[in-house]
Amino acid sequence: GKLDIIFTPSSGEPIRHVVNDFKGAGVALGMYNTDASIIDFAHSSFKYALERKYPLYLSTKNTILKKYDGRFKDIFQDIYDKEYKSKFDAAGIWYEHRLIDDMVAF
């Protein structure tokens, strides 16, 4: 059977994406996050790193979850560049995004 996901914006036509066309048994999972939640998480993470004077690594699988993990990666990078880079530099620490595969070997 076919698994679809539908997003219906408050003003506009529904957007339908085919998630998978199952040829046999399987499993599915739906996940979401809001930009506001990701932004709050980013600020909390950056502030914690600064308080502890620890470098911060965000690890994702954005090669597979291109839009979902990519959104985290982009928001974190934007906030870091605009609000935290100079503070991290002054503290002698850094922020990096790394693919989860690279972090496992790090």
PDB file of N, CA and C in Angstrom:
ATOM      1  N   GLY A   1       0.812  -1.183   0.000  1.00  0.00           N
ATOM      2  CA  GLY A   1       0.000   0.000   0.000  1.00  0.00           C
ATOM      3  C   GLY A   1       0.855   1.246   0.000  1.00  0.00           C
ATOM      4  N   LYS A   2       0.233   2.359  -0.261  1.00  0.00           N
ATOM      5  CA  LYS A   2       0.935   3.638  -0.352  1.00  0.00           C
ATOM      6  C   LYS A   2       0.694   4.463   0.910  1.00  0.00           C
ATOM      7  N   LEU A   3       1.765   5.042   1.441  1.00  0.00           N
ATOM      8  CA  LEU A   3       1.682   5.921   2.601  1.00  0.00           C
ATOM      9  C   LEU A   3       1.899   7.350   2.127  1.00  0.00           C
ATOM     10  N   ASP A   4       0.905   8.209   2.375  1.00  0.00           N
ATOM     11  CA  ASP A   4       0.993   9.625   2.034  1.00  0.00           C
ATOM     12  C   ASP A   4       0.987  10.443   3.315  1.00  0.00           C
ATOM     13  N   ILE A   5       1.553  11.632   3.216  1.00  0.00           N
ATOM     14  CA  ILE A   5       1.433  12.607   4.292  1.00  0.00           C
ATOM     15  C   ILE A   5       0.883  13.879   3.652  1.00  0.00           C
ATOM     16  N   ILE A   6      -0.051  14.507   4.328  1.00  0.00           N
ATOM     17  CA  ILE A   6      -0.704  15.695   3.784  1.00  0.00           C
ATOM     18  C   ILE A   6      -0.556  16.846   4.777  1.00  0.00           C
ATOM     19  N   PHE A   7      -0.087  17.996   4.264  1.00  0.00           N
ATOM     20  CA  PHE A   7      -0.026  19.224   5.050  1.00  0.00           C
ATOM     21  C   PHE A   7      -1.045  20.187   4.453  1.00  0.00           C
ATOM     22  N   THR A   8      -1.928  20.692   5.293  1.00  0.00           N
ATOM     23  CA  THR A   8      -2.934  21.641   4.832  1.00  0.00           C
ATOM     24  C   THR A   8      -2.651  22.998   5.464  1.00  0.00           C
ATOM     25  N   PRO A   9      -2.061  23.929   4.693  1.00  0.00           N
ATOM     26  CA  PRO A   9      -1.790  25.256   5.240  1.00  0.00           C
ATOM     27  C   PRO A   9      -3.093  25.992   5.544  1.00  0.00           C
ATOM     28  N   SER A  10      -3.036  26.942   6.465  1.00  0.00           N
ATOM     29  CA  SER A  10      -4.246  27.677   6.844  1.00  0.00           C
ATOM     30  C   SER A  10      -4.796  28.478   5.666  1.00  0.00           C
ATOM     31  N   SER A  11      -3.942  28.859   4.759  1.00  0.00           N
ATOM     32  CA  SER A  11      -4.415  29.567   3.560  1.00  0.00           C
ATOM     33  C   SER A  11      -3.743  28.936   2.347  1.00  0.00           C
ATOM     34  N   GLY A  12      -4.437  28.022   1.735  1.00  0.00           N
ATOM     35  CA  GLY A  12      -3.858  27.406   0.552  1.00  0.00           C
ATOM     36  C   GLY A  12      -4.298  25.979   0.358  1.00  0.00           C
ATOM     37  N   GLU A  13      -3.804  25.413  -0.696  1.00  0.00           N
ATOM     38  CA  GLU A  13      -4.136  24.048  -1.063  1.00  0.00           C
ATOM     39  C   GLU A  13      -3.296  23.054  -0.267  1.00  0.00           C
ATOM     40  N   PRO A  14      -3.878  21.912   0.037  1.00  0.00           N
ATOM     41  CA  PRO A  14      -3.103  20.862   0.717  1.00  0.00           C
ATOM     42  C   PRO A  14      -1.897  20.427  -0.119  1.00  0.00           C
ATOM     43  N   ILE A  15      -0.838  20.097   0.577  1.00  0.00           N
ATOM     44  CA  ILE A  15       0.379  19.588  -0.062  1.00  0.00           C
ATOM     45  C   ILE A  15       0.489  18.124   0.318  1.00  0.00           C
ATOM     46  N   ARG A  16       0.553  17.269  -0.679  1.00  0.00           N
ATOM     47  CA  ARG A  16       0.604  15.823  -0.447  1.00  0.00           C
ATOM     48  C   ARG A  16       1.966  15.297  -0.904  1.00  0.00           C
ATOM     49  N   HIS A  17       2.580  14.494  -0.041  1.00  0.00           N
ATOM     50  CA  HIS A  17       3.839  13.830  -0.381  1.00  0.00           C
ATOM     51  C   HIS A  17       3.653  12.332  -0.215  1.00  0.00           C
ATOM     52  N   VAL A  18       4.113  11.589  -1.199  1.00  0.00           N
ATOM     53  CA  VAL A  18       4.142  10.137  -1.057  1.00  0.00           C
ATOM     54  C   VAL A  18       5.367   9.812  -0.216  1.00  0.00           C
ATOM     55  N   VAL A  19       5.151   9.184   0.925  1.00  0.00           N
ATOM     56  CA  VAL A  19       6.246   8.802   1.811  1.00  0.00           C
ATOM     57  C   VAL A  19       6.878   7.512   1.311  1.00  0.00           C
ATOM     58  N   ASN A  20       6.037   6.540   1.009  1.00  0.00           N
ATOM     59  CA  ASN A  20       6.558   5.256   0.524  1.00  0.00           C
ATOM     60  C   ASN A  20       5.439   4.476  -0.150  1.00  0.00           C
ATOM     61  N   ASP A  21       5.833   3.720  -1.150  1.00  0.00           N
ATOM     62  CA  ASP A  21       4.918   2.778  -1.784  1.00  0.00           C
ATOM     63  C   ASP A  21       5.387   1.394  -1.352  1.00  0.00           C
ATOM     64  N   PHE A  22       4.763   0.882  -0.303  1.00  0.00           N
ATOM     65  CA  PHE A  22       5.194  -0.378   0.292  1.00  0.00           C
ATOM     66  C   PHE A  22       4.940  -1.548  -0.648  1.00  0.00           C
ATOM     67  N   LYS A  23       5.958  -2.371  -0.851  1.00  0.00           N
ATOM     68  CA  LYS A  23       5.838  -3.600  -1.642  1.00  0.00           C
ATOM     69  C   LYS A  23       5.582  -4.794  -0.727  1.00  0.00           C
ATOM     70  N   GLY A  24       5.750  -4.581   0.554  1.00  0.00           N
ATOM     71  CA  GLY A  24       5.530  -5.622   1.549  1.00  0.00           C
ATOM     72  C   GLY A  24       5.357  -4.973   2.908  1.00  0.00           C
ATOM     73  N   ALA A  25       5.498  -5.773   3.944  1.00  0.00           N
ATOM     74  CA  ALA A  25       5.350  -5.269   5.311  1.00  0.00           C
ATOM     75  C   ALA A  25       6.414  -4.220   5.608  1.00  0.00           C
ATOM     76  N   GLY A  26       6.113  -3.317   6.521  1.00  0.00           N
ATOM     77  CA  GLY A  26       7.063  -2.270   6.883  1.00  0.00           C
ATOM     78  C   GLY A  26       6.556  -1.469   8.065  1.00  0.00           C
ATOM     79  N   VAL A  27       7.207  -0.360   8.306  1.00  0.00           N
ATOM     80  CA  VAL A  27       6.861   0.495   9.431  1.00  0.00           C
ATOM     81  C   VAL A  27       7.075   1.949   9.005  1.00  0.00           C
ATOM     82  N   ALA A  28       6.354   2.864   9.617  1.00  0.00           N
ATOM     83  CA  ALA A  28       6.489   4.286   9.303  1.00  0.00           C
ATOM     84  C   ALA A  28       6.474   5.088  10.595  1.00  0.00           C
ATOM     85  N   LEU A  29       7.010   6.293  10.517  1.00  0.00           N
ATOM     86  CA  LEU A  29       7.068   7.188  11.664  1.00  0.00           C
ATOM     87  C   LEU A  29       6.874   8.611  11.164  1.00  0.00           C
ATOM     88  N   GLY A  30       6.023   9.366  11.812  1.00  0.00           N
ATOM     89  CA  GLY A  30       5.856  10.776  11.483  1.00  0.00           C
ATOM     90  C   GLY A  30       6.488  11.627  12.573  1.00  0.00           C
ATOM     91  N   MET A  31       7.304  12.625  12.181  1.00  0.00           N
ATOM     92  CA  MET A  31       7.964  13.505  13.153  1.00  0.00           C
ATOM     93  C   MET A  31       7.777  14.945  12.703  1.00  0.00           C
ATOM     94  N   TYR A  32       7.780  15.842  13.672  1.00  0.00           N
ATOM     95  CA  TYR A  32       7.745  17.255  13.329  1.00  0.00           C
ATOM     96  C   TYR A  32       8.476  18.040  14.403  1.00  0.00           C
ATOM     97  N   ASN A  33       8.858  19.239  14.055  1.00  0.00           N
ATOM     98  CA  ASN A  33       9.413  20.195  14.989  1.00  0.00           C
ATOM     99  C   ASN A  33       9.083  21.568  14.448  1.00  0.00           C
ATOM    100  N   THR A  34       8.889  22.527  15.311  1.00  0.00           N
ATOM    101  CA  THR A  34       8.634  23.893  14.854  1.00  0.00           C
ATOM    102  C   THR A  34       9.946  24.669  14.851  1.00  0.00           C
ATOM    103  N   ASP A  35      10.018  25.676  13.994  1.00  0.00           N
ATOM    104  CA  ASP A  35      11.212  26.523  13.988  1.00  0.00           C
ATOM    105  C   ASP A  35      11.434  27.141  15.361  1.00  0.00           C
ATOM    106  N   ALA A  36      10.358  27.553  16.019  1.00  0.00           N
ATOM    107  CA  ALA A  36      10.489  28.165  17.353  1.00  0.00           C
ATOM    108  C   ALA A  36      11.146  27.202  18.334  1.00  0.00           C
ATOM    109  N   SER A  37      10.778  25.946  18.278  1.00  0.00           N
ATOM    110  CA  SER A  37      11.365  24.946  19.168  1.00  0.00           C
ATOM    111  C   SER A  37      12.839  24.716  18.842  1.00  0.00           C
ATOM    112  N   ILE A  38      13.162  24.659  17.558  1.00  0.00           N
ATOM    113  CA  ILE A  38      14.560  24.465  17.149  1.00  0.00           C
ATOM    114  C   ILE A  38      15.395  25.672  17.569  1.00  0.00           C
ATOM    115  N   ILE A  39      14.850  26.863  17.401  1.00  0.00           N
ATOM    116  CA  ILE A  39      15.551  28.092  17.796  1.00  0.00           C
ATOM    117  C   ILE A  39      15.810  28.096  19.300  1.00  0.00           C
ATOM    118  N   ASP A  40      14.808  27.751  20.102  1.00  0.00           N
ATOM    119  CA  ASP A  40      14.993  27.676  21.559  1.00  0.00           C
ATOM    120  C   ASP A  40      16.062  26.648  21.926  1.00  0.00           C
ATOM    121  N   PHE A  41      16.026  25.506  21.263  1.00  0.00           N
ATOM    122  CA  PHE A  41      17.020  24.459  21.511  1.00  0.00           C
ATOM    123  C   PHE A  41      18.421  24.951  21.151  1.00  0.00           C
ATOM    124  N   ALA A  42      18.542  25.655  20.044  1.00  0.00           N
ATOM    125  CA  ALA A  42      19.843  26.189  19.632  1.00  0.00           C
ATOM    126  C   ALA A  42      20.379  27.167  20.676  1.00  0.00           C
ATOM    127  N   HIS A  43      19.551  28.124  21.093  1.00  0.00           N
ATOM    128  CA  HIS A  43      20.003  29.097  22.096  1.00  0.00           C
ATOM    129  C   HIS A  43      20.398  28.398  23.400  1.00  0.00           C
ATOM    130  N   SER A  44      19.611  27.446  23.845  1.00  0.00           N
ATOM    131  CA  SER A  44      19.943  26.702  25.069  1.00  0.00           C
ATOM    132  C   SER A  44      21.277  25.986  24.923  1.00  0.00           C
ATOM    133  N   SER A  45      21.493  25.389  23.779  1.00  0.00           N
ATOM    134  CA  SER A  45      22.737  24.649  23.532  1.00  0.00           C
ATOM    135  C   SER A  45      23.936  25.587  23.513  1.00  0.00           C
ATOM    136  N   PHE A  46      23.819  26.701  22.796  1.00  0.00           N
ATOM    137  CA  PHE A  46      24.928  27.656  22.720  1.00  0.00           C
ATOM    138  C   PHE A  46      25.230  28.267  24.091  1.00  0.00           C
ATOM    139  N   LYS A  47      24.196  28.611  24.837  1.00  0.00           N
ATOM    140  CA  LYS A  47      24.402  29.196  26.168  1.00  0.00           C
ATOM    141  C   LYS A  47      25.055  28.197  27.119  1.00  0.00           C
ATOM    142  N   TYR A  48      24.628  26.955  27.054  1.00  0.00           N
ATOM    143  CA  TYR A  48      25.216  25.916  27.906  1.00  0.00           C
ATOM    144  C   TYR A  48      26.696  25.738  27.577  1.00  0.00           C
ATOM    145  N   ALA A  49      27.014  25.692  26.295  1.00  0.00           N
ATOM    146  CA  ALA A  49      28.414  25.542  25.883  1.00  0.00           C
ATOM    147  C   ALA A  49      29.253  26.718  26.383  1.00  0.00           C
ATOM    148  N   LEU A  50      28.717  27.920  26.281  1.00  0.00           N
ATOM    149  CA  LEU A  50      29.451  29.099  26.760  1.00  0.00           C
ATOM    150  C   LEU A  50      29.651  29.065  28.273  1.00  0.00           C
ATOM    151  N   GLU A  51      28.605  28.700  29.009  1.00  0.00           N
ATOM    152  CA  GLU A  51      28.720  28.631  30.471  1.00  0.00           C
ATOM    153  C   GLU A  51      29.778  27.623  30.898  1.00  0.00           C
ATOM    154  N   ARG A  52      29.821  26.508  30.215  1.00  0.00           N
ATOM    155  CA  ARG A  52      30.759  25.431  30.555  1.00  0.00           C
ATOM    156  C   ARG A  52      32.110  25.575  29.869  1.00  0.00           C
ATOM    157  N   LYS A  53      32.176  26.482  28.901  1.00  0.00           N
ATOM    158  CA  LYS A  53      33.377  26.657  28.074  1.00  0.00           C
ATOM    159  C   LYS A  53      33.734  25.356  27.340  1.00  0.00           C
ATOM    160  N   TYR A  54      32.691  24.712  26.823  1.00  0.00           N
ATOM    161  CA  TYR A  54      32.831  23.487  26.029  1.00  0.00           C
ATOM    162  C   TYR A  54      32.550  23.807  24.567  1.00  0.00           C
ATOM    163  N   PRO A  55      33.279  23.205  23.640  1.00  0.00           N
ATOM    164  CA  PRO A  55      32.876  23.327  22.234  1.00  0.00           C
ATOM    165  C   PRO A  55      31.525  22.631  22.046  1.00  0.00           C
ATOM    166  N   LEU A  56      30.797  23.050  21.039  1.00  0.00           N
ATOM    167  CA  LEU A  56      29.475  22.481  20.778  1.00  0.00           C
ATOM    168  C   LEU A  56      29.465  21.811  19.413  1.00  0.00           C
ATOM    169  N   TYR A  57      28.981  20.583  19.395  1.00  0.00           N
ATOM    170  CA  TYR A  57      28.828  19.835  18.146  1.00  0.00           C
ATOM    171  C   TYR A  57      27.360  19.481  17.973  1.00  0.00           C
ATOM    172  N   LEU A  58      26.806  19.800  16.816  1.00  0.00           N
ATOM    173  CA  LEU A  58      25.474  19.338  16.443  1.00  0.00           C
ATOM    174  C   LEU A  58      25.681  18.224  15.440  1.00  0.00           C
ATOM    175  N   SER A  59      25.171  17.066  15.764  1.00  0.00           N
ATOM    176  CA  SER A  59      25.350  15.907  14.905  1.00  0.00           C
ATOM    177  C   SER A  59      24.004  15.488  14.333  1.00  0.00           C
ATOM    178  N   THR A  60      23.934  15.387  13.001  1.00  0.00           N
ATOM    179  CA  THR A  60      22.695  14.993  12.335  1.00  0.00           C
ATOM    180  C   THR A  60      22.994  13.974  11.242  1.00  0.00           C
ATOM    181  N   LYS A  61      21.948  13.492  10.648  1.00  0.00           N
ATOM    182  CA  LYS A  61      22.047  12.606   9.479  1.00  0.00           C
ATOM    183  C   LYS A  61      21.374  13.333   8.316  1.00  0.00           C
ATOM    184  N   ASN A  62      21.831  14.569   8.052  1.00  0.00           N
ATOM    185  CA  ASN A  62      21.179  15.395   7.043  1.00  0.00           C
ATOM    186  C   ASN A  62      21.405  14.912   5.617  1.00  0.00           C
ATOM    187  N   THR A  63      22.224  13.896   5.431  1.00  0.00           N
ATOM    188  CA  THR A  63      22.354  13.294   4.105  1.00  0.00           C
ATOM    189  C   THR A  63      21.148  12.413   3.796  1.00  0.00           C
ATOM    190  N   ILE A  64      20.504  11.901   4.824  1.00  0.00           N
ATOM    191  CA  ILE A  64      19.324  11.053   4.659  1.00  0.00           C
ATOM    192  C   ILE A  64      18.054  11.853   4.965  1.00  0.00           C
ATOM    193  N   LEU A  65      18.041  12.526   6.107  1.00  0.00           N
ATOM    194  CA  LEU A  65      16.882  13.344   6.499  1.00  0.00           C
ATOM    195  C   LEU A  65      17.140  14.785   6.061  1.00  0.00           C
ATOM    196  N   LYS A  66      17.218  14.966   4.750  1.00  0.00           N
ATOM    197  CA  LYS A  66      17.673  16.232   4.177  1.00  0.00           C
ATOM    198  C   LYS A  66      16.895  17.448   4.679  1.00  0.00           C
ATOM    199  N   LYS A  67      15.594  17.363   4.692  1.00  0.00           N
ATOM    200  CA  LYS A  67      14.802  18.533   5.097  1.00  0.00           C
ATOM    201  C   LYS A  67      14.708  18.653   6.608  1.00  0.00           C
ATOM    202  N   TYR A  68      14.464  17.543   7.305  1.00  0.00           N
ATOM    203  CA  TYR A  68      14.277  17.585   8.760  1.00  0.00           C
ATOM    204  C   TYR A  68      15.584  17.960   9.457  1.00  0.00           C
ATOM    205  N   ASP A  69      16.610  17.155   9.283  1.00  0.00           N
ATOM    206  CA  ASP A  69      17.893  17.454   9.926  1.00  0.00           C
ATOM    207  C   ASP A  69      18.539  18.685   9.306  1.00  0.00           C
ATOM    208  N   GLY A  70      18.305  18.896   8.016  1.00  0.00           N
ATOM    209  CA  GLY A  70      18.840  20.085   7.358  1.00  0.00           C
ATOM    210  C   GLY A  70      18.309  21.363   7.976  1.00  0.00           C
ATOM    211  N   ARG A  71      17.065  21.334   8.434  1.00  0.00           N
ATOM    212  CA  ARG A  71      16.480  22.512   9.081  1.00  0.00           C
ATOM    213  C   ARG A  71      17.203  22.826  10.390  1.00  0.00           C
ATOM    214  N   PHE A  72      17.494  21.802  11.189  1.00  0.00           N
ATOM    215  CA  PHE A  72      18.271  21.990  12.417  1.00  0.00           C
ATOM    216  C   PHE A  72      19.639  22.582  12.078  1.00  0.00           C
ATOM    217  N   LYS A  73      20.310  21.975  11.125  1.00  0.00           N
ATOM    218  CA  LYS A  73      21.654  22.415  10.732  1.00  0.00           C
ATOM    219  C   LYS A  73      21.645  23.883  10.312  1.00  0.00           C
ATOM    220  N   ASP A  74      20.698  24.261   9.450  1.00  0.00           N
ATOM    221  CA  ASP A  74      20.643  25.633   8.947  1.00  0.00           C
ATOM    222  C   ASP A  74      20.313  26.638  10.046  1.00  0.00           C
ATOM    223  N   ILE A  75      19.351  26.320  10.891  1.00  0.00           N
ATOM    224  CA  ILE A  75      18.964  27.241  11.968  1.00  0.00           C
ATOM    225  C   ILE A  75      20.105  27.403  12.966  1.00  0.00           C
ATOM    226  N   PHE A  76      20.725  26.307  13.380  1.00  0.00           N
ATOM    227  CA  PHE A  76      21.854  26.394  14.307  1.00  0.00           C
ATOM    228  C   PHE A  76      22.969  27.257  13.712  1.00  0.00           C
ATOM    229  N   GLN A  77      23.301  27.025  12.447  1.00  0.00           N
ATOM    230  CA  GLN A  77      24.401  27.770  11.828  1.00  0.00           C
ATOM    231  C   GLN A  77      24.084  29.255  11.746  1.00  0.00           C
ATOM    232  N   ASP A  78      22.863  29.589  11.370  1.00  0.00           N
ATOM    233  CA  ASP A  78      22.456  30.988  11.261  1.00  0.00           C
ATOM    234  C   ASP A  78      22.541  31.696  12.615  1.00  0.00           C
ATOM    235  N   ILE A  79      22.028  31.066  13.649  1.00  0.00           N
ATOM    236  CA  ILE A  79      22.066  31.662  14.992  1.00  0.00           C
ATOM    237  C   ILE A  79      23.506  31.790  15.480  1.00  0.00           C
ATOM    238  N   TYR A  80      24.298  30.754  15.243  1.00  0.00           N
ATOM    239  CA  TYR A  80      25.702  30.804  15.663  1.00  0.00           C
ATOM    240  C   TYR A  80      26.416  31.972  14.988  1.00  0.00           C
ATOM    241  N   ASP A  81      26.291  32.060  13.671  1.00  0.00           N
ATOM    242  CA  ASP A  81      26.993  33.111  12.928  1.00  0.00           C
ATOM    243  C   ASP A  81      26.572  34.504  13.377  1.00  0.00           C
ATOM    244  N   LYS A  82      25.279  34.694  13.620  1.00  0.00           N
ATOM    245  CA  LYS A  82      24.760  36.026  13.943  1.00  0.00           C
ATOM    246  C   LYS A  82      24.924  36.415  15.408  1.00  0.00           C
ATOM    247  N   GLU A  83      24.840  35.427  16.323  1.00  0.00           N
ATOM    248  CA  GLU A  83      24.748  35.784  17.737  1.00  0.00           C
ATOM    249  C   GLU A  83      25.821  35.202  18.649  1.00  0.00           C
ATOM    250  N   TYR A  84      26.493  34.144  18.227  1.00  0.00           N
ATOM    251  CA  TYR A  84      27.378  33.465  19.174  1.00  0.00           C
ATOM    252  C   TYR A  84      28.826  33.314  18.720  1.00  0.00           C
ATOM    253  N   LYS A  85      29.113  33.458  17.446  1.00  0.00           N
ATOM    254  CA  LYS A  85      30.469  33.190  16.977  1.00  0.00           C
ATOM    255  C   LYS A  85      31.510  34.031  17.715  1.00  0.00           C
ATOM    256  N   SER A  86      31.268  35.321  17.837  1.00  0.00           N
ATOM    257  CA  SER A  86      32.250  36.183  18.511  1.00  0.00           C
ATOM    258  C   SER A  86      32.405  35.797  19.983  1.00  0.00           C
ATOM    259  N   LYS A  87      31.318  35.394  20.629  1.00  0.00           N
ATOM    260  CA  LYS A  87      31.386  34.969  22.032  1.00  0.00           C
ATOM    261  C   LYS A  87      32.160  33.658  22.164  1.00  0.00           C
ATOM    262  N   PHE A  88      31.937  32.748  21.237  1.00  0.00           N
ATOM    263  CA  PHE A  88      32.662  31.475  21.255  1.00  0.00           C
ATOM    264  C   PHE A  88      34.146  31.722  20.997  1.00  0.00           C
ATOM    265  N   ASP A  89      34.456  32.589  20.028  1.00  0.00           N
ATOM    266  CA  ASP A  89      35.854  32.919  19.738  1.00  0.00           C
ATOM    267  C   ASP A  89      36.533  33.502  20.976  1.00  0.00           C
ATOM    268  N   ALA A  90      35.862  34.417  21.652  1.00  0.00           N
ATOM    269  CA  ALA A  90      36.423  35.044  22.854  1.00  0.00           C
ATOM    270  C   ALA A  90      36.651  34.016  23.959  1.00  0.00           C
ATOM    271  N   ALA A  91      35.801  32.995  24.014  1.00  0.00           N
ATOM    272  CA  ALA A  91      35.931  31.953  25.041  1.00  0.00           C
ATOM    273  C   ALA A  91      36.892  30.841  24.615  1.00  0.00           C
ATOM    274  N   GLY A  92      37.383  30.909  23.376  1.00  0.00           N
ATOM    275  CA  GLY A  92      38.313  29.882  22.891  1.00  0.00           C
ATOM    276  C   GLY A  92      37.635  28.551  22.584  1.00  0.00           C
ATOM    277  N   ILE A  93      36.343  28.598  22.295  1.00  0.00           N
ATOM    278  CA  ILE A  93      35.600  27.379  21.953  1.00  0.00           C
ATOM    279  C   ILE A  93      35.000  27.549  20.555  1.00  0.00           C
ATOM    280  N   TRP A  94      34.351  26.537  20.057  1.00  0.00           N
ATOM    281  CA  TRP A  94      33.822  26.563  18.701  1.00  0.00           C
ATOM    282  C   TRP A  94      32.535  25.758  18.605  1.00  0.00           C
ATOM    283  N   TYR A  95      31.856  25.982  17.492  1.00  0.00           N
ATOM    284  CA  TYR A  95      30.656  25.217  17.148  1.00  0.00           C
ATOM    285  C   TYR A  95      30.903  24.558  15.800  1.00  0.00           C
ATOM    286  N   GLU A  96      30.489  23.306  15.684  1.00  0.00           N
ATOM    287  CA  GLU A  96      30.586  22.590  14.413  1.00  0.00           C
ATOM    288  C   GLU A  96      29.379  21.700  14.225  1.00  0.00           C
ATOM    289  N   HIS A  97      28.930  21.632  12.994  1.00  0.00           N
ATOM    290  CA  HIS A  97      27.968  20.589  12.622  1.00  0.00           C
ATOM    291  C   HIS A  97      28.780  19.438  12.050  1.00  0.00           C
ATOM    292  N   ARG A  98      28.431  18.227  12.443  1.00  0.00           N
ATOM    293  CA  ARG A  98      29.081  17.035  11.894  1.00  0.00           C
ATOM    294  C   ARG A  98      28.039  15.973  11.606  1.00  0.00           C
ATOM    295  N   LEU A  99      28.289  15.249  10.553  1.00  0.00           N
ATOM    296  CA  LEU A  99      27.456  14.106  10.228  1.00  0.00           C
ATOM    297  C   LEU A  99      27.618  13.065  11.329  1.00  0.00           C
ATOM    298  N   ILE A 100      26.536  12.413  11.705  1.00  0.00           N
ATOM    299  CA  ILE A 100      26.581  11.438  12.801  1.00  0.00           C
ATOM    300  C   ILE A 100      27.642  10.373  12.547  1.00  0.00           C
ATOM    301  N   ASP A 101      27.826   9.975  11.296  1.00  0.00           N
ATOM    302  CA  ASP A 101      28.841   8.972  10.962  1.00  0.00           C
ATOM    303  C   ASP A 101      30.237   9.459  11.355  1.00  0.00           C
ATOM    304  N   ASP A 102      30.502  10.753  11.132  1.00  0.00           N
ATOM    305  CA  ASP A 102      31.800  11.325  11.493  1.00  0.00           C
ATOM    306  C   ASP A 102      31.964  11.439  13.004  1.00  0.00           C
ATOM    307  N   MET A 103      30.888  11.754  13.704  1.00  0.00           N
ATOM    308  CA  MET A 103      30.970  11.879  15.162  1.00  0.00           C
ATOM    309  C   MET A 103      31.272  10.541  15.817  1.00  0.00           C
ATOM    310  N   VAL A 104      30.735   9.478  15.274  1.00  0.00           N
ATOM    311  CA  VAL A 104      30.988   8.151  15.838  1.00  0.00           C
ATOM    312  C   VAL A 104      32.477   7.832  15.767  1.00  0.00           C
ATOM    313  N   ALA A 105      33.126   8.283  14.702  1.00  0.00           N
ATOM    314  CA  ALA A 105      34.553   8.009  14.518  1.00  0.00           C
ATOM    315  C   ALA A 105      35.435   9.082  15.150  1.00  0.00           C
ATOM    316  N   PHE A 106      34.839  10.143  15.683  1.00  0.00           N
ATOM    317  CA  PHE A 106      35.583  11.304  16.191  1.00  0.00           C
ATOM    318  C   PHE A 106      36.284  11.009  17.485  1.00  0.00           C
TER     319      PHE A 106
END
